[in-house]
Amino acid sequence: MYKALTLALSMALIPAFAMAGPPPEKKAGIESKDYKWNAQEGEKIEALQKKGDPKAGKEGYEVCGACHLPSGAGRSDGTFPQLAGQHTTVLIKQMADIRAGLRDNPTMYPFAKELVDAQELANVSAYIEKLCIPVDHGKYEGADAAKQVADGKTMYEKECIECHKANGEGVKDKFYPVLAGQHYKYLLRQMTEIRDGKRRNANPDMVKIIKKYDDKQLVAISAYQSSLSMPGSMCKPAAKGGKKK
């Protein structure tokens, strides 16, 4: 009942916010020869320099929770990513990029622009980072899951582990995202878009790595990534008939 109500609210809100104004003018991204990944400028650098207040961020997060859920769990079908436990640096960068027209996300833009300034970006990010990472996120569910995860592990440990680390914890000060707890379908969609040049704010170093993988290999890598968990950061599994903490 609660999930149905939240979904209904998110669907009701999207058209209302979508009418609030036009999308931002597109900023030159990876398709431009002058593109510099993660340039430290503008609203982003201002937000990164501020100390986020998680308590204030909880209120600001309410507009995000309609789609990403109050828990930050997102949706297992990959439409909305799991946010809980993500590094503040990554959250600030992605929201600032969307607001600036560097990352194309017409669904999220009307919501992201509701955060009034750099301080609110910092606050909301600080709140999200403190949320526990859900254990019941979307994983690869094919009959060949064991093989896909095993094959993905081999490829992940060959080239992905250096940046995203053994447990998918990423690197906060380098803006490398947490992967642990992320939905399989979202991971697959994002890696495919990065490989195919559709994620315009992508890291060129990652593009070089991911370009060599075909669709089947990306399925395996995503299957493995979605199996990762970060000790000490995951939500406690729900007791039978109870709620997660």
Protein backbone atom coordinates (compact mmCIF):
# COMPACT_ATOMS: atom_id res chain seq x y z
CA MET A 1 0.00 0.00 0.00
CA TYR A 2 2.79 2.42 0.98
CA LYS A 3 4.79 1.66 -2.18
CA ALA A 4 1.70 2.14 -4.34
CA LEU A 5 1.00 5.49 -2.68
CA THR A 6 4.62 6.64 -3.15
CA LEU A 7 4.59 5.64 -6.81
CA ALA A 8 1.28 7.45 -7.37
CA LEU A 9 2.72 10.56 -5.73
CA SER A 10 5.84 10.47 -7.89
CA MET A 11 3.82 10.10 -11.08
CA ALA A 12 1.56 12.95 -10.01
CA LEU A 13 4.48 15.22 -9.21
CA ILE A 14 6.48 14.70 -12.40
CA PRO A 15 4.09 16.49 -14.78
CA ALA A 16 3.55 19.33 -12.31
CA PHE A 17 7.26 19.96 -11.89
CA ALA A 18 7.90 19.38 -15.58
CA MET A 19 5.72 22.39 -16.38
CA ALA A 20 7.69 24.60 -14.00
CA GLY A 21 10.14 25.69 -16.69
CA PRO A 22 12.17 24.63 -19.74
CA PRO A 23 15.21 22.33 -19.45
CA PRO A 24 18.60 24.02 -19.17
CA GLU A 25 20.58 24.92 -22.25
CA LYS A 26 22.92 22.02 -23.04
CA LYS A 27 26.50 22.53 -21.93
CA ALA A 28 29.26 21.00 -24.07
CA GLY A 29 30.12 17.54 -22.78
CA ILE A 30 32.27 14.60 -23.74
CA GLU A 31 31.34 15.10 -27.40
CA SER A 32 33.39 18.33 -27.37
CA LYS A 33 37.15 18.38 -27.88
CA ASP A 34 37.38 21.01 -25.14
CA TYR A 35 35.57 18.85 -22.56
CA LYS A 36 37.26 18.62 -19.19
CA TRP A 37 35.80 16.01 -16.88
CA ASN A 38 34.74 17.24 -13.44
CA ALA A 39 35.94 20.80 -13.93
CA GLN A 40 36.01 22.44 -10.50
CA GLU A 41 33.90 25.48 -11.15
CA GLY A 42 30.56 27.16 -10.58
CA GLU A 43 27.84 25.90 -8.27
CA LYS A 44 29.51 22.51 -7.89
CA ILE A 45 32.73 23.78 -6.35
CA GLU A 46 30.73 26.10 -4.08
CA ALA A 47 28.63 23.18 -2.79
CA LEU A 48 31.69 20.96 -2.32
CA GLN A 49 33.30 23.62 -0.13
CA LYS A 50 30.28 23.86 2.18
CA LYS A 51 29.62 21.66 5.20
CA GLY A 52 26.38 19.81 4.61
CA ASP A 53 23.78 19.61 7.36
CA PRO A 54 22.04 16.19 7.20
CA LYS A 55 19.18 17.39 9.42
CA ALA A 56 18.37 20.23 7.03
CA GLY A 57 19.03 17.89 4.12
CA LYS A 58 16.28 15.53 5.26
CA GLU A 59 13.69 18.22 4.55
CA GLY A 60 15.24 19.06 1.18
CA TYR A 61 15.28 15.36 0.27
CA GLU A 62 11.47 15.14 0.42
CA VAL A 63 11.19 16.20 -3.21
CA CYS A 64 13.69 13.45 -4.16
CA GLY A 65 11.96 10.76 -2.11
CA ALA A 66 8.92 10.71 -4.41
CA CYS A 67 11.01 8.84 -7.02
CA HIS A 68 14.03 7.56 -5.09
CA LEU A 69 11.84 6.61 -2.07
CA PRO A 70 12.30 7.92 1.48
CA SER A 71 14.88 5.19 2.11
CA GLY A 72 16.96 6.23 -0.92
CA ALA A 73 16.42 2.73 -2.34
CA GLY A 74 15.32 3.82 -5.80
CA ARG A 75 13.54 1.23 -7.96
CA SER A 76 14.73 -2.23 -8.93
CA ASP A 77 13.54 -1.78 -12.54
CA GLY A 78 16.39 0.71 -13.01
CA THR A 79 14.24 3.76 -13.68
CA PHE A 80 15.49 5.51 -10.54
CA PRO A 81 18.87 4.65 -9.00
CA GLN A 82 19.56 3.66 -5.43
CA LEU A 83 21.08 6.75 -3.75
CA ALA A 84 21.49 5.73 -0.10
CA GLY A 85 25.11 5.78 1.10
CA GLN A 86 26.43 7.48 -2.03
CA HIS A 87 29.40 9.84 -1.59
CA THR A 88 28.47 13.50 -1.18
CA THR A 89 31.02 14.39 -3.86
CA VAL A 90 29.32 12.16 -6.41
CA LEU A 91 25.83 13.36 -5.49
CA ILE A 92 26.81 17.03 -5.69
CA LYS A 93 28.59 16.53 -9.00
CA GLN A 94 25.70 14.71 -10.63
CA MET A 95 23.03 17.13 -9.39
CA ALA A 96 25.13 20.14 -10.40
CA ASP A 97 25.78 18.61 -13.84
CA ILE A 98 22.05 18.02 -14.37
CA ARG A 99 21.21 21.56 -13.23
CA ALA A 100 23.90 22.98 -15.54
CA GLY A 101 22.78 21.01 -18.61
CA LEU A 102 25.90 18.82 -18.72
CA ARG A 103 24.08 15.58 -17.89
CA ASP A 104 20.83 15.04 -19.78
CA ASN A 105 18.09 13.93 -17.40
CA PRO A 106 14.78 15.61 -18.26
CA THR A 107 12.90 13.57 -15.64
CA MET A 108 15.14 14.63 -12.77
CA TYR A 109 15.87 18.20 -13.83
CA PRO A 110 12.56 19.72 -12.64
CA PHE A 111 13.19 18.21 -9.20
CA ALA A 112 16.91 18.98 -9.04
CA LYS A 113 16.34 22.64 -9.81
CA GLU A 114 14.03 22.90 -6.78
CA LEU A 115 17.12 22.82 -4.54
CA VAL A 116 17.59 26.52 -4.08
CA ASP A 117 21.36 26.94 -3.77
CA ALA A 118 24.77 25.32 -3.20
CA GLN A 119 24.13 24.98 0.53
CA GLU A 120 20.98 22.96 -0.09
CA LEU A 121 22.86 20.72 -2.52
CA ALA A 122 25.41 20.08 0.23
CA ASN A 123 22.69 19.46 2.85
CA VAL A 124 20.70 16.96 0.79
CA SER A 125 23.88 15.12 -0.23
CA ALA A 126 25.00 14.88 3.40
CA TYR A 127 21.62 13.38 4.35
CA ILE A 128 21.67 10.82 1.54
CA GLU A 129 25.25 9.76 2.32
CA LYS A 130 24.22 8.82 5.87
CA LEU A 131 21.38 6.52 4.79
CA CYS A 132 22.07 2.79 5.07
CA ILE A 133 22.39 0.93 1.78
CA PRO A 134 19.40 -1.38 1.14
CA VAL A 135 20.20 -5.08 0.90
CA ASP A 136 17.15 -6.00 -1.18
CA HIS A 137 18.03 -4.09 -4.35
CA GLY A 138 17.56 -5.32 -7.91
CA LYS A 139 19.97 -8.04 -9.00
CA TYR A 140 20.44 -10.12 -12.14
CA GLU A 141 17.80 -12.83 -11.98
CA GLY A 142 18.45 -15.02 -15.03
CA ALA A 143 18.84 -18.79 -14.74
CA ASP A 144 22.53 -18.31 -15.52
CA ALA A 145 23.04 -15.82 -12.67
CA ALA A 146 25.92 -17.73 -11.06
CA LYS A 147 27.87 -17.80 -14.33
CA GLN A 148 27.14 -14.17 -15.14
CA VAL A 149 28.33 -13.04 -11.70
CA ALA A 150 31.47 -15.19 -11.96
CA ASP A 151 32.32 -13.89 -15.44
CA GLY A 152 31.58 -10.33 -14.34
CA LYS A 153 33.84 -10.72 -11.32
CA THR A 154 36.77 -11.63 -13.56
CA MET A 155 36.29 -8.54 -15.74
CA TYR A 156 35.56 -6.27 -12.76
CA GLU A 157 38.75 -7.31 -10.98
CA LYS A 158 40.76 -6.80 -14.14
CA GLU A 159 39.83 -3.16 -14.80
CA CYS A 160 37.08 -1.78 -12.55
CA ILE A 161 38.41 -2.57 -9.09
CA GLU A 162 41.15 0.06 -9.18
CA CYS A 163 38.59 2.88 -9.09
CA HIS A 164 35.47 1.29 -7.62
CA LYS A 165 37.34 -0.95 -5.13
CA ALA A 166 36.74 -4.50 -3.92
CA ASN A 167 33.42 -3.91 -2.18
CA GLY A 168 32.11 -1.32 -4.62
CA GLU A 169 32.86 1.51 -2.20
CA GLY A 170 34.36 3.85 -4.82
CA VAL A 171 36.65 6.74 -3.83
CA LYS A 172 35.04 9.83 -2.35
CA ASP A 173 37.75 12.40 -3.02
CA LYS A 174 38.11 11.24 -6.63
CA PHE A 175 34.36 11.34 -7.33
CA TYR A 176 34.25 7.59 -8.05
CA PRO A 177 30.77 6.39 -7.05
CA VAL A 178 29.66 3.71 -4.63
CA LEU A 179 28.36 0.74 -6.63
CA ALA A 180 27.38 -1.50 -3.71
CA GLY A 181 23.62 -1.85 -3.45
CA GLN A 182 22.95 -0.38 -6.89
CA HIS A 183 20.29 -1.96 -9.09
CA TYR A 184 21.46 -4.28 -11.86
CA LYS A 185 19.25 -2.69 -14.52
CA TYR A 186 20.41 0.82 -13.64
CA LEU A 187 24.08 -0.21 -13.75
CA LEU A 188 23.61 -1.88 -17.13
CA ARG A 189 21.79 1.13 -18.55
CA GLN A 190 24.41 3.61 -17.36
CA MET A 191 27.40 1.57 -18.54
CA THR A 192 25.77 1.13 -21.95
CA GLU A 193 25.09 4.87 -22.20
CA ILE A 194 28.65 5.71 -21.13
CA ARG A 195 30.07 3.30 -23.72
CA ASP A 196 27.81 4.66 -26.45
CA GLY A 197 28.54 8.35 -25.72
CA LYS A 198 25.07 9.16 -24.35
CA ARG A 199 26.24 10.05 -20.83
CA ARG A 200 27.73 13.41 -21.71
CA ASN A 201 29.34 14.08 -18.31
CA ALA A 202 31.19 10.75 -18.27
CA ASN A 203 34.81 10.32 -17.26
CA PRO A 204 36.85 9.83 -20.47
CA ASP A 205 39.10 7.36 -18.64
CA MET A 206 36.08 5.15 -17.98
CA VAL A 207 34.88 5.48 -21.54
CA LYS A 208 38.22 4.15 -22.78
CA ILE A 209 37.90 1.10 -20.55
CA ILE A 210 34.25 0.37 -21.20
CA LYS A 211 34.43 0.86 -24.99
CA LYS A 212 35.98 -2.58 -25.42
CA TYR A 213 33.05 -4.46 -23.85
CA ASP A 214 30.08 -5.74 -25.85
CA ASP A 215 26.50 -5.98 -24.59
CA LYS A 216 26.89 -9.50 -23.20
CA GLN A 217 30.00 -8.54 -21.25
CA LEU A 218 28.28 -5.49 -19.80
CA VAL A 219 25.46 -7.76 -18.59
CA ALA A 220 28.00 -9.90 -16.72
CA ILE A 221 29.85 -6.92 -15.22
CA SER A 222 26.56 -5.35 -14.10
CA ALA A 223 25.43 -8.66 -12.61
CA TYR A 224 28.59 -8.80 -10.51
CA GLN A 225 28.50 -5.14 -9.50
CA SER A 226 24.92 -5.51 -8.27
CA SER A 227 26.05 -8.38 -6.04
CA LEU A 228 28.53 -6.20 -4.12
CA SER A 229 27.98 -5.06 -0.54
CA MET A 230 29.88 -2.71 1.77
CA PRO A 231 30.44 -4.10 5.28
CA GLY A 232 29.18 -1.67 7.91
CA SER A 233 27.16 0.38 5.41
CA MET A 234 24.34 -1.99 4.51
CA CYS A 235 20.91 -1.85 6.13
CA LYS A 236 20.12 -4.66 8.55
CA PRO A 237 18.09 -7.40 6.86
CA ALA A 238 14.43 -7.29 7.86
CA ALA A 239 13.25 -9.83 10.38
CA LYS A 240 10.37 -11.93 9.09
CA GLY A 241 7.33 -9.72 9.06
CA GLY A 242 9.36 -6.78 10.38
CA LYS A 243 10.97 -3.68 8.96
CA LYS A 244 14.61 -3.03 7.99
CA LYS A 245 16.58 -0.68 10.20
